[in-house]
Amino acid sequence: MQVSVLQSCLDSLQIWFCGNLMVLNPDKSDSILFGTSQREKFFHDLDSVNVSGTVVPLARHLKLLGVVLDANLTVNQHTQLVSRSFFYHIRALCQIRHLLDHSSLSGLSCLED
């Protein structure tokens, strides 16, 4: 029953896009169902949705405006990616710290000798 409601909403969305002279490209679309882990049990057999006649697989997480969202709306995946990027840039700064002047290093106290 709930899957049919979801599909009905997707069909309505497609009609709205067409009515407003926009095109929904299912090949460039991502899909995700947000909810608690208890709610997720109701959709355990759902692995894709139909958008404009194209099957779009459900993702466990996706990146939207630079933020990684997962199906349970936790920030675990996003935190891991931001931390990884942070440490990459810190290591890169350590490689060039001998090229930086004192005023540049003053804001980066972790790189000072």
PDB file of N, CA and C in Angstrom:
ATOM      1  N   MET A   1       0.817  -1.192   0.000  1.00  0.00           N
ATOM      2  CA  MET A   1       0.000   0.000   0.000  1.00  0.00           C
ATOM      3  C   MET A   1       0.861   1.254   0.000  1.00  0.00           C
ATOM      4  N   GLN A   2       1.876   1.357   0.881  1.00  0.00           N
ATOM      5  CA  GLN A   2       2.698   2.552   0.983  1.00  0.00           C
ATOM      6  C   GLN A   2       3.565   2.751  -0.254  1.00  0.00           C
ATOM      7  N   VAL A   3       3.994   1.685  -0.896  1.00  0.00           N
ATOM      8  CA  VAL A   3       4.793   1.788  -2.114  1.00  0.00           C
ATOM      9  C   VAL A   3       3.950   2.387  -3.235  1.00  0.00           C
ATOM     10  N   SER A   4       2.678   2.037  -3.297  1.00  0.00           N
ATOM     11  CA  SER A   4       1.808   2.608  -4.330  1.00  0.00           C
ATOM     12  C   SER A   4       1.594   4.101  -4.100  1.00  0.00           C
ATOM     13  N   VAL A   5       1.555   4.535  -2.856  1.00  0.00           N
ATOM     14  CA  VAL A   5       1.429   5.956  -2.551  1.00  0.00           C
ATOM     15  C   VAL A   5       2.694   6.687  -2.997  1.00  0.00           C
ATOM     16  N   LEU A   6       3.846   6.100  -2.736  1.00  0.00           N
ATOM     17  CA  LEU A   6       5.109   6.676  -3.168  1.00  0.00           C
ATOM     18  C   LEU A   6       5.143   6.808  -4.686  1.00  0.00           C
ATOM     19  N   GLN A   7       4.748   5.769  -5.386  1.00  0.00           N
ATOM     20  CA  GLN A   7       4.747   5.804  -6.844  1.00  0.00           C
ATOM     21  C   GLN A   7       3.758   6.848  -7.360  1.00  0.00           C
ATOM     22  N   SER A   8       2.623   6.983  -6.710  1.00  0.00           N
ATOM     23  CA  SER A   8       1.643   7.997  -7.083  1.00  0.00           C
ATOM     24  C   SER A   8       2.224   9.402  -6.921  1.00  0.00           C
ATOM     25  N   CYS A   9       2.984   9.636  -5.856  1.00  0.00           N
ATOM     26  CA  CYS A   9       3.631  10.932  -5.646  1.00  0.00           C
ATOM     27  C   CYS A   9       4.664  11.206  -6.738  1.00  0.00           C
ATOM     28  N   LEU A  10       5.423  10.195  -7.120  1.00  0.00           N
ATOM     29  CA  LEU A  10       6.406  10.365  -8.187  1.00  0.00           C
ATOM     30  C   LEU A  10       5.725  10.680  -9.512  1.00  0.00           C
ATOM     31  N   ASP A  11       4.595  10.036  -9.784  1.00  0.00           N
ATOM     32  CA  ASP A  11       3.837  10.320 -11.007  1.00  0.00           C
ATOM     33  C   ASP A  11       3.297  11.745 -10.981  1.00  0.00           C
ATOM     34  N   SER A  12       2.802  12.189  -9.834  1.00  0.00           N
ATOM     35  CA  SER A  12       2.304  13.561  -9.698  1.00  0.00           C
ATOM     36  C   SER A  12       3.426  14.570  -9.896  1.00  0.00           C
ATOM     37  N   LEU A  13       4.591  14.246  -9.398  1.00  0.00           N
ATOM     38  CA  LEU A  13       5.747  15.112  -9.567  1.00  0.00           C
ATOM     39  C   LEU A  13       6.108  15.251 -11.044  1.00  0.00           C
ATOM     40  N   GLN A  14       6.077  14.150 -11.762  1.00  0.00           N
ATOM     41  CA  GLN A  14       6.361  14.164 -13.198  1.00  0.00           C
ATOM     42  C   GLN A  14       5.333  15.031 -13.935  1.00  0.00           C
ATOM     43  N   ILE A  15       4.071  14.915 -13.590  1.00  0.00           N
ATOM     44  CA  ILE A  15       3.016  15.730 -14.208  1.00  0.00           C
ATOM     45  C   ILE A  15       3.240  17.204 -13.907  1.00  0.00           C
ATOM     46  N   TRP A  16       3.615  17.533 -12.664  1.00  0.00           N
ATOM     47  CA  TRP A  16       3.873  18.915 -12.297  1.00  0.00           C
ATOM     48  C   TRP A  16       5.028  19.489 -13.102  1.00  0.00           C
ATOM     49  N   PHE A  17       6.115  18.701 -13.239  1.00  0.00           N
ATOM     50  CA  PHE A  17       7.252  19.153 -14.031  1.00  0.00           C
ATOM     51  C   PHE A  17       6.827  19.453 -15.463  1.00  0.00           C
ATOM     52  N   CYS A  18       6.088  18.542 -16.076  1.00  0.00           N
ATOM     53  CA  CYS A  18       5.629  18.747 -17.458  1.00  0.00           C
ATOM     54  C   CYS A  18       4.724  19.973 -17.563  1.00  0.00           C
ATOM     55  N   GLY A  19       3.837  20.165 -16.603  1.00  0.00           N
ATOM     56  CA  GLY A  19       2.931  21.304 -16.609  1.00  0.00           C
ATOM     57  C   GLY A  19       3.636  22.633 -16.451  1.00  0.00           C
ATOM     58  N   ASN A  20       4.834  22.623 -15.888  1.00  0.00           N
ATOM     59  CA  ASN A  20       5.622  23.840 -15.697  1.00  0.00           C
ATOM     60  C   ASN A  20       6.793  23.916 -16.678  1.00  0.00           C
ATOM     61  N   LEU A  21       6.647  23.174 -17.780  1.00  0.00           N
ATOM     62  CA  LEU A  21       7.620  23.184 -18.877  1.00  0.00           C
ATOM     63  C   LEU A  21       9.035  22.822 -18.427  1.00  0.00           C
ATOM     64  N   MET A  22       9.122  21.867 -17.532  1.00  0.00           N
ATOM     65  CA  MET A  22      10.412  21.351 -17.078  1.00  0.00           C
ATOM     66  C   MET A  22      10.469  19.865 -17.373  1.00  0.00           C
ATOM     67  N   VAL A  23      11.672  19.363 -17.439  1.00  0.00           N
ATOM     68  CA  VAL A  23      11.865  17.950 -17.735  1.00  0.00           C
ATOM     69  C   VAL A  23      12.581  17.303 -16.560  1.00  0.00           C
ATOM     70  N   LEU A  24      12.063  16.208 -16.106  1.00  0.00           N
ATOM     71  CA  LEU A  24      12.697  15.419 -15.059  1.00  0.00           C
ATOM     72  C   LEU A  24      13.490  14.322 -15.752  1.00  0.00           C
ATOM     73  N   ASN A  25      14.805  14.343 -15.595  1.00  0.00           N
ATOM     74  CA  ASN A  25      15.667  13.367 -16.245  1.00  0.00           C
ATOM     75  C   ASN A  25      15.978  12.239 -15.266  1.00  0.00           C
ATOM     76  N   PRO A  26      15.305  11.106 -15.400  1.00  0.00           N
ATOM     77  CA  PRO A  26      15.526  10.020 -14.443  1.00  0.00           C
ATOM     78  C   PRO A  26      16.930   9.419 -14.526  1.00  0.00           C
ATOM     79  N   ASP A  27      17.599   9.582 -15.678  1.00  0.00           N
ATOM     80  CA  ASP A  27      18.956   9.046 -15.800  1.00  0.00           C
ATOM     81  C   ASP A  27      19.954   9.830 -14.957  1.00  0.00           C
ATOM     82  N   LYS A  28      19.624  11.080 -14.632  1.00  0.00           N
ATOM     83  CA  LYS A  28      20.499  11.911 -13.809  1.00  0.00           C
ATOM     84  C   LYS A  28      19.943  12.089 -12.403  1.00  0.00           C
ATOM     85  N   SER A  29      18.932  11.323 -12.061  1.00  0.00           N
ATOM     86  CA  SER A  29      18.276  11.461 -10.769  1.00  0.00           C
ATOM     87  C   SER A  29      18.776  10.416  -9.786  1.00  0.00           C
ATOM     88  N   ASP A  30      18.774  10.783  -8.526  1.00  0.00           N
ATOM     89  CA  ASP A  30      19.073   9.865  -7.430  1.00  0.00           C
ATOM     90  C   ASP A  30      17.823   9.732  -6.593  1.00  0.00           C
ATOM     91  N   SER A  31      17.694   8.614  -5.922  1.00  0.00           N
ATOM     92  CA  SER A  31      16.546   8.431  -5.042  1.00  0.00           C
ATOM     93  C   SER A  31      17.015   7.853  -3.715  1.00  0.00           C
ATOM     94  N   ILE A  32      16.326   8.277  -2.678  1.00  0.00           N
ATOM     95  CA  ILE A  32      16.633   7.800  -1.329  1.00  0.00           C
ATOM     96  C   ILE A  32      15.353   7.912  -0.509  1.00  0.00           C
ATOM     97  N   LEU A  33      15.141   6.980   0.365  1.00  0.00           N
ATOM     98  CA  LEU A  33      14.014   7.038   1.299  1.00  0.00           C
ATOM     99  C   LEU A  33      14.564   7.366   2.675  1.00  0.00           C
ATOM    100  N   PHE A  34      14.092   8.463   3.262  1.00  0.00           N
ATOM    101  CA  PHE A  34      14.524   8.858   4.589  1.00  0.00           C
ATOM    102  C   PHE A  34      13.564   8.299   5.625  1.00  0.00           C
ATOM    103  N   GLY A  35      14.120   7.860   6.738  1.00  0.00           N
ATOM    104  CA  GLY A  35      13.297   7.367   7.834  1.00  0.00           C
ATOM    105  C   GLY A  35      14.153   6.722   8.900  1.00  0.00           C
ATOM    106  N   THR A  36      13.514   6.338   9.969  1.00  0.00           N
ATOM    107  CA  THR A  36      14.214   5.667  11.053  1.00  0.00           C
ATOM    108  C   THR A  36      14.522   4.234  10.648  1.00  0.00           C
ATOM    109  N   SER A  37      15.387   3.598  11.393  1.00  0.00           N
ATOM    110  CA  SER A  37      15.718   2.204  11.083  1.00  0.00           C
ATOM    111  C   SER A  37      14.500   1.297  11.282  1.00  0.00           C
ATOM    112  N   GLN A  38      13.596   1.662  12.211  1.00  0.00           N
ATOM    113  CA  GLN A  38      12.373   0.877  12.397  1.00  0.00           C
ATOM    114  C   GLN A  38      11.460   1.032  11.178  1.00  0.00           C
ATOM    115  N   ARG A  39      11.355   2.246  10.664  1.00  0.00           N
ATOM    116  CA  ARG A  39      10.512   2.507   9.503  1.00  0.00           C
ATOM    117  C   ARG A  39      11.078   1.847   8.250  1.00  0.00           C
ATOM    118  N   GLU A  40      12.383   1.741   8.209  1.00  0.00           N
ATOM    119  CA  GLU A  40      13.072   1.144   7.066  1.00  0.00           C
ATOM    120  C   GLU A  40      12.690  -0.331   6.882  1.00  0.00           C
ATOM    121  N   LYS A  41      12.316  -0.986   7.957  1.00  0.00           N
ATOM    122  CA  LYS A  41      11.931  -2.400   7.886  1.00  0.00           C
ATOM    123  C   LYS A  41      10.696  -2.611   7.020  1.00  0.00           C
ATOM    124  N   PHE A  42       9.830  -1.590   6.927  1.00  0.00           N
ATOM    125  CA  PHE A  42       8.631  -1.715   6.101  1.00  0.00           C
ATOM    126  C   PHE A  42       8.962  -1.732   4.608  1.00  0.00           C
ATOM    127  N   PHE A  43      10.119  -1.173   4.256  1.00  0.00           N
ATOM    128  CA  PHE A  43      10.509  -1.074   2.855  1.00  0.00           C
ATOM    129  C   PHE A  43      11.750  -1.915   2.548  1.00  0.00           C
ATOM    130  N   HIS A  44      11.971  -2.962   3.318  1.00  0.00           N
ATOM    131  CA  HIS A  44      13.188  -3.755   3.155  1.00  0.00           C
ATOM    132  C   HIS A  44      13.310  -4.387   1.771  1.00  0.00           C
ATOM    133  N   ASP A  45      12.202  -4.651   1.099  1.00  0.00           N
ATOM    134  CA  ASP A  45      12.260  -5.282  -0.219  1.00  0.00           C
ATOM    135  C   ASP A  45      12.271  -4.265  -1.360  1.00  0.00           C
ATOM    136  N   LEU A  46      12.167  -2.980  -1.052  1.00  0.00           N
ATOM    137  CA  LEU A  46      12.155  -1.930  -2.069  1.00  0.00           C
ATOM    138  C   LEU A  46      13.588  -1.501  -2.355  1.00  0.00           C
ATOM    139  N   ASP A  47      14.057  -1.695  -3.589  1.00  0.00           N
ATOM    140  CA  ASP A  47      15.422  -1.311  -3.935  1.00  0.00           C
ATOM    141  C   ASP A  47      15.486  -0.302  -5.073  1.00  0.00           C
ATOM    142  N   SER A  48      14.333   0.064  -5.653  1.00  0.00           N
ATOM    143  CA  SER A  48      14.305   1.067  -6.719  1.00  0.00           C
ATOM    144  C   SER A  48      12.901   1.653  -6.830  1.00  0.00           C
ATOM    145  N   VAL A  49      12.816   2.788  -7.540  1.00  0.00           N
ATOM    146  CA  VAL A  49      11.532   3.420  -7.823  1.00  0.00           C
ATOM    147  C   VAL A  49      11.456   3.690  -9.322  1.00  0.00           C
ATOM    148  N   ASN A  50      10.237   3.844  -9.814  1.00  0.00           N
ATOM    149  CA  ASN A  50      10.015   4.093 -11.223  1.00  0.00           C
ATOM    150  C   ASN A  50       9.737   5.584 -11.423  1.00  0.00           C
ATOM    151  N   VAL A  51      10.605   6.244 -12.183  1.00  0.00           N
ATOM    152  CA  VAL A  51      10.440   7.668 -12.477  1.00  0.00           C
ATOM    153  C   VAL A  51      10.375   7.816 -13.991  1.00  0.00           C
ATOM    154  N   SER A  52       9.234   8.206 -14.495  1.00  0.00           N
ATOM    155  CA  SER A  52       9.033   8.417 -15.939  1.00  0.00           C
ATOM    156  C   SER A  52       9.368   7.175 -16.752  1.00  0.00           C
ATOM    157  N   GLY A  53       9.042   6.031 -16.234  1.00  0.00           N
ATOM    158  CA  GLY A  53       9.288   4.792 -16.954  1.00  0.00           C
ATOM    159  C   GLY A  53      10.710   4.274 -16.830  1.00  0.00           C
ATOM    160  N   THR A  54      11.535   4.933 -16.038  1.00  0.00           N
ATOM    161  CA  THR A  54      12.916   4.517 -15.833  1.00  0.00           C
ATOM    162  C   THR A  54      13.095   4.088 -14.379  1.00  0.00           C
ATOM    163  N   VAL A  55      13.755   2.975 -14.194  1.00  0.00           N
ATOM    164  CA  VAL A  55      14.006   2.471 -12.847  1.00  0.00           C
ATOM    165  C   VAL A  55      15.198   3.222 -12.261  1.00  0.00           C
ATOM    166  N   VAL A  56      14.979   3.872 -11.121  1.00  0.00           N
ATOM    167  CA  VAL A  56      16.031   4.604 -10.412  1.00  0.00           C
ATOM    168  C   VAL A  56      16.302   3.851  -9.113  1.00  0.00           C
ATOM    169  N   PRO A  57      17.520   3.305  -8.951  1.00  0.00           N
ATOM    170  CA  PRO A  57      17.809   2.556  -7.725  1.00  0.00           C
ATOM    171  C   PRO A  57      17.846   3.458  -6.500  1.00  0.00           C
ATOM    172  N   LEU A  58      17.428   2.907  -5.373  1.00  0.00           N
ATOM    173  CA  LEU A  58      17.502   3.636  -4.105  1.00  0.00           C
ATOM    174  C   LEU A  58      18.925   3.581  -3.573  1.00  0.00           C
ATOM    175  N   ALA A  59      19.409   4.718  -3.140  1.00  0.00           N
ATOM    176  CA  ALA A  59      20.757   4.804  -2.588  1.00  0.00           C
ATOM    177  C   ALA A  59      20.691   4.757  -1.062  1.00  0.00           C
ATOM    178  N   ARG A  60      21.766   4.326  -0.430  1.00  0.00           N
ATOM    179  CA  ARG A  60      21.855   4.358   1.026  1.00  0.00           C
ATOM    180  C   ARG A  60      22.251   5.754   1.507  1.00  0.00           C
ATOM    181  N   HIS A  61      22.997   6.466   0.665  1.00  0.00           N
ATOM    182  CA  HIS A  61      23.378   7.841   0.964  1.00  0.00           C
ATOM    183  C   HIS A  61      23.608   8.575  -0.349  1.00  0.00           C
ATOM    184  N   LEU A  62      23.469   9.906  -0.306  1.00  0.00           N
ATOM    185  CA  LEU A  62      23.735  10.720  -1.482  1.00  0.00           C
ATOM    186  C   LEU A  62      24.246  12.080  -1.054  1.00  0.00           C
ATOM    187  N   LYS A  63      24.909  12.740  -1.986  1.00  0.00           N
ATOM    188  CA  LYS A  63      25.477  14.051  -1.703  1.00  0.00           C
ATOM    189  C   LYS A  63      24.581  15.110  -2.324  1.00  0.00           C
ATOM    190  N   LEU A  64      24.154  16.053  -1.499  1.00  0.00           N
ATOM    191  CA  LEU A  64      23.253  17.116  -1.927  1.00  0.00           C
ATOM    192  C   LEU A  64      23.780  18.441  -1.387  1.00  0.00           C
ATOM    193  N   LEU A  65      24.150  19.338  -2.293  1.00  0.00           N
ATOM    194  CA  LEU A  65      24.697  20.646  -1.920  1.00  0.00           C
ATOM    195  C   LEU A  65      25.891  20.522  -0.980  1.00  0.00           C
ATOM    196  N   GLY A  66      26.736  19.527  -1.227  1.00  0.00           N
ATOM    197  CA  GLY A  66      27.952  19.355  -0.446  1.00  0.00           C
ATOM    198  C   GLY A  66      27.783  18.593   0.846  1.00  0.00           C
ATOM    199  N   VAL A  67      26.570  18.197   1.176  1.00  0.00           N
ATOM    200  CA  VAL A  67      26.317  17.468   2.418  1.00  0.00           C
ATOM    201  C   VAL A  67      25.907  16.045   2.065  1.00  0.00           C
ATOM    202  N   VAL A  68      26.529  15.084   2.715  1.00  0.00           N
ATOM    203  CA  VAL A  68      26.186  13.686   2.494  1.00  0.00           C
ATOM    204  C   VAL A  68      25.046  13.318   3.428  1.00  0.00           C
ATOM    205  N   LEU A  69      23.926  12.933   2.843  1.00  0.00           N
ATOM    206  CA  LEU A  69      22.753  12.516   3.611  1.00  0.00           C
ATOM    207  C   LEU A  69      22.611  11.012   3.509  1.00  0.00           C
ATOM    208  N   ASP A  70      22.325  10.366   4.624  1.00  0.00           N
ATOM    209  CA  ASP A  70      22.045   8.933   4.558  1.00  0.00           C
ATOM    210  C   ASP A  70      20.576   8.691   4.865  1.00  0.00           C
ATOM    211  N   ALA A  71      20.136   7.479   4.642  1.00  0.00           N
ATOM    212  CA  ALA A  71      18.721   7.145   4.744  1.00  0.00           C
ATOM    213  C   ALA A  71      18.157   7.374   6.138  1.00  0.00           C
ATOM    214  N   ASN A  72      18.988   7.311   7.168  1.00  0.00           N
ATOM    215  CA  ASN A  72      18.527   7.520   8.538  1.00  0.00           C
ATOM    216  C   ASN A  72      18.806   8.925   9.052  1.00  0.00           C
ATOM    217  N   LEU A  73      19.262   9.813   8.170  1.00  0.00           N
ATOM    218  CA  LEU A  73      19.576  11.209   8.492  1.00  0.00           C
ATOM    219  C   LEU A  73      20.574  11.349   9.644  1.00  0.00           C
ATOM    220  N   THR A  74      21.583  10.492   9.636  1.00  0.00           N
ATOM    221  CA  THR A  74      22.700  10.664  10.558  1.00  0.00           C
ATOM    222  C   THR A  74      23.806  11.384   9.795  1.00  0.00           C
ATOM    223  N   VAL A  75      24.758  11.928  10.492  1.00  0.00           N
ATOM    224  CA  VAL A  75      25.851  12.637   9.838  1.00  0.00           C
ATOM    225  C   VAL A  75      27.147  11.819   9.838  1.00  0.00           C
ATOM    226  N   ASN A  76      27.062  10.529  10.103  1.00  0.00           N
ATOM    227  CA  ASN A  76      28.255   9.694  10.193  1.00  0.00           C
ATOM    228  C   ASN A  76      29.071   9.711   8.903  1.00  0.00           C
ATOM    229  N   GLN A  77      28.456   9.438   7.782  1.00  0.00           N
ATOM    230  CA  GLN A  77      29.149   9.399   6.495  1.00  0.00           C
ATOM    231  C   GLN A  77      29.739  10.772   6.168  1.00  0.00           C
ATOM    232  N   HIS A  78      28.965  11.823   6.388  1.00  0.00           N
ATOM    233  CA  HIS A  78      29.435  13.184   6.102  1.00  0.00           C
ATOM    234  C   HIS A  78      30.631  13.531   6.982  1.00  0.00           C
ATOM    235  N   THR A  79      30.564  13.184   8.260  1.00  0.00           N
ATOM    236  CA  THR A  79      31.659  13.466   9.188  1.00  0.00           C
ATOM    237  C   THR A  79      32.929  12.750   8.767  1.00  0.00           C
ATOM    238  N   GLN A  80      32.818  11.507   8.346  1.00  0.00           N
ATOM    239  CA  GLN A  80      33.990  10.755   7.894  1.00  0.00           C
ATOM    240  C   GLN A  80      34.629  11.406   6.674  1.00  0.00           C
ATOM    241  N   LEU A  81      33.801  11.834   5.721  1.00  0.00           N
ATOM    242  CA  LEU A  81      34.327  12.456   4.503  1.00  0.00           C
ATOM    243  C   LEU A  81      34.968  13.812   4.786  1.00  0.00           C
ATOM    244  N   VAL A  82      34.362  14.616   5.654  1.00  0.00           N
ATOM    245  CA  VAL A  82      34.929  15.912   6.002  1.00  0.00           C
ATOM    246  C   VAL A  82      36.241  15.720   6.759  1.00  0.00           C
ATOM    247  N   SER A  83      36.291  14.765   7.678  1.00  0.00           N
ATOM    248  CA  SER A  83      37.518  14.494   8.430  1.00  0.00           C
ATOM    249  C   SER A  83      38.634  14.028   7.505  1.00  0.00           C
ATOM    250  N   ARG A  84      38.308  13.168   6.570  1.00  0.00           N
ATOM    251  CA  ARG A  84      39.297  12.672   5.621  1.00  0.00           C
ATOM    252  C   ARG A  84      39.854  13.835   4.788  1.00  0.00           C
ATOM    253  N   SER A  85      38.982  14.715   4.337  1.00  0.00           N
ATOM    254  CA  SER A  85      39.415  15.871   3.552  1.00  0.00           C
ATOM    255  C   SER A  85      40.273  16.812   4.399  1.00  0.00           C
ATOM    256  N   PHE A  86      39.869  17.038   5.630  1.00  0.00           N
ATOM    257  CA  PHE A  86      40.622  17.903   6.539  1.00  0.00           C
ATOM    258  C   PHE A  86      42.036  17.382   6.730  1.00  0.00           C
ATOM    259  N   PHE A  87      42.187  16.103   7.038  1.00  0.00           N
ATOM    260  CA  PHE A  87      43.512  15.547   7.282  1.00  0.00           C
ATOM    261  C   PHE A  87      44.364  15.520   6.010  1.00  0.00           C
ATOM    262  N   TYR A  88      43.733  15.356   4.862  1.00  0.00           N
ATOM    263  CA  TYR A  88      44.468  15.425   3.596  1.00  0.00           C
ATOM    264  C   TYR A  88      45.088  16.815   3.431  1.00  0.00           C
ATOM    265  N   HIS A  89      44.289  17.861   3.692  1.00  0.00           N
ATOM    266  CA  HIS A  89      44.790  19.217   3.529  1.00  0.00           C
ATOM    267  C   HIS A  89      45.831  19.578   4.589  1.00  0.00           C
ATOM    268  N   ILE A  90      45.691  19.088   5.793  1.00  0.00           N
ATOM    269  CA  ILE A  90      46.703  19.313   6.835  1.00  0.00           C
ATOM    270  C   ILE A  90      48.018  18.669   6.422  1.00  0.00           C
ATOM    271  N   ARG A  91      47.970  17.440   5.903  1.00  0.00           N
ATOM    272  CA  ARG A  91      49.198  16.781   5.448  1.00  0.00           C
ATOM    273  C   ARG A  91      49.835  17.550   4.294  1.00  0.00           C
ATOM    274  N   ALA A  92      48.999  18.088   3.391  1.00  0.00           N
ATOM    275  CA  ALA A  92      49.532  18.867   2.274  1.00  0.00           C
ATOM    276  C   ALA A  92      50.210  20.137   2.779  1.00  0.00           C
ATOM    277  N   LEU A  93      49.614  20.798   3.774  1.00  0.00           N
ATOM    278  CA  LEU A  93      50.231  21.995   4.351  1.00  0.00           C
ATOM    279  C   LEU A  93      51.561  21.659   5.038  1.00  0.00           C
ATOM    280  N   CYS A  94      51.627  20.514   5.677  1.00  0.00           N
ATOM    281  CA  CYS A  94      52.878  20.106   6.331  1.00  0.00           C
ATOM    282  C   CYS A  94      53.999  19.952   5.312  1.00  0.00           C
ATOM    283  N   GLN A  95      53.648  19.521   4.107  1.00  0.00           N
ATOM    284  CA  GLN A  95      54.654  19.338   3.063  1.00  0.00           C
ATOM    285  C   GLN A  95      55.228  20.674   2.576  1.00  0.00           C
ATOM    286  N   ILE A  96      54.451  21.745   2.669  1.00  0.00           N
ATOM    287  CA  ILE A  96      54.915  23.033   2.150  1.00  0.00           C
ATOM    288  C   ILE A  96      55.154  24.067   3.249  1.00  0.00           C
ATOM    289  N   ARG A  97      55.138  23.672   4.491  1.00  0.00           N
ATOM    290  CA  ARG A  97      55.250  24.661   5.567  1.00  0.00           C
ATOM    291  C   ARG A  97      56.578  25.409   5.526  1.00  0.00           C
ATOM    292  N   HIS A  98      57.630  24.795   5.031  1.00  0.00           N
ATOM    293  CA  HIS A  98      58.913  25.488   4.935  1.00  0.00           C
ATOM    294  C   HIS A  98      58.872  26.618   3.896  1.00  0.00           C
ATOM    295  N   LEU A  99      57.889  26.623   3.039  1.00  0.00           N
ATOM    296  CA  LEU A  99      57.746  27.670   2.023  1.00  0.00           C
ATOM    297  C   LEU A  99      56.896  28.839   2.497  1.00  0.00           C
ATOM    298  N   LEU A 100      56.212  28.690   3.628  1.00  0.00           N
ATOM    299  CA  LEU A 100      55.302  29.718   4.130  1.00  0.00           C
ATOM    300  C   LEU A 100      56.040  30.677   5.060  1.00  0.00           C
ATOM    301  N   ASP A 101      55.635  31.949   5.025  1.00  0.00           N
ATOM    302  CA  ASP A 101      56.239  32.926   5.924  1.00  0.00           C
ATOM    303  C   ASP A 101      55.589  32.838   7.308  1.00  0.00           C
ATOM    304  N   HIS A 102      56.173  33.573   8.256  1.00  0.00           N
ATOM    305  CA  HIS A 102      55.704  33.490   9.647  1.00  0.00           C
ATOM    306  C   HIS A 102      54.251  33.942   9.791  1.00  0.00           C
ATOM    307  N   SER A 103      53.827  34.993   9.073  1.00  0.00           N
ATOM    308  CA  SER A 103      52.447  35.485   9.209  1.00  0.00           C
ATOM    309  C   SER A 103      51.441  34.460   8.690  1.00  0.00           C
ATOM    310  N   SER A 104      51.832  33.721   7.664  1.00  0.00           N
ATOM    311  CA  SER A 104      50.938  32.670   7.150  1.00  0.00           C
ATOM    312  C   SER A 104      50.830  31.519   8.144  1.00  0.00           C
ATOM    313  N   LEU A 105      51.952  31.201   8.779  1.00  0.00           N
ATOM    314  CA  LEU A 105      51.962  30.098   9.739  1.00  0.00           C
ATOM    315  C   LEU A 105      51.295  30.451  11.063  1.00  0.00           C
ATOM    316  N   SER A 106      51.184  31.734  11.381  1.00  0.00           N
ATOM    317  CA  SER A 106      50.627  32.120  12.682  1.00  0.00           C
ATOM    318  C   SER A 106      49.184  31.643  12.850  1.00  0.00           C
ATOM    319  N   GLY A 107      48.429  31.535  11.776  1.00  0.00           N
ATOM    320  CA  GLY A 107      47.068  31.022  11.857  1.00  0.00           C
ATOM    321  C   GLY A 107      47.012  29.518  11.874  1.00  0.00           C
ATOM    322  N   LEU A 108      48.137  28.887  11.634  1.00  0.00           N
ATOM    323  CA  LEU A 108      48.206  27.418  11.590  1.00  0.00           C
ATOM    324  C   LEU A 108      49.160  26.935  12.675  1.00  0.00           C
ATOM    325  N   SER A 109      48.787  27.131  13.921  1.00  0.00           N
ATOM    326  CA  SER A 109      49.676  26.820  15.037  1.00  0.00           C
ATOM    327  C   SER A 109      50.072  25.348  15.068  1.00  0.00           C
ATOM    328  N   CYS A 110      49.269  24.479  14.513  1.00  0.00           N
ATOM    329  CA  CYS A 110      49.612  23.055  14.534  1.00  0.00           C
ATOM    330  C   CYS A 110      50.768  22.744  13.596  1.00  0.00           C
ATOM    331  N   LEU A 111      51.126  23.666  12.695  1.00  0.00           N
ATOM    332  CA  LEU A 111      52.214  23.431  11.743  1.00  0.00           C
ATOM    333  C   LEU A 111      53.518  24.081  12.165  1.00  0.00           C
ATOM    334  N   GLU A 112      53.483  24.914  13.207  1.00  0.00           N
ATOM    335  CA  GLU A 112      54.698  25.596  13.627  1.00  0.00           C
ATOM    336  C   GLU A 112      55.658  24.615  14.282  1.00  0.00           C
ATOM    337  N   ASP A 113      56.954  24.893  14.095  1.00  0.00           N
ATOM    338  CA  ASP A 113      57.985  24.017  14.696  1.00  0.00           C
ATOM    339  C   ASP A 113      58.137  24.282  16.170  1.00  0.00           C
TER     340      ASP A 113
END
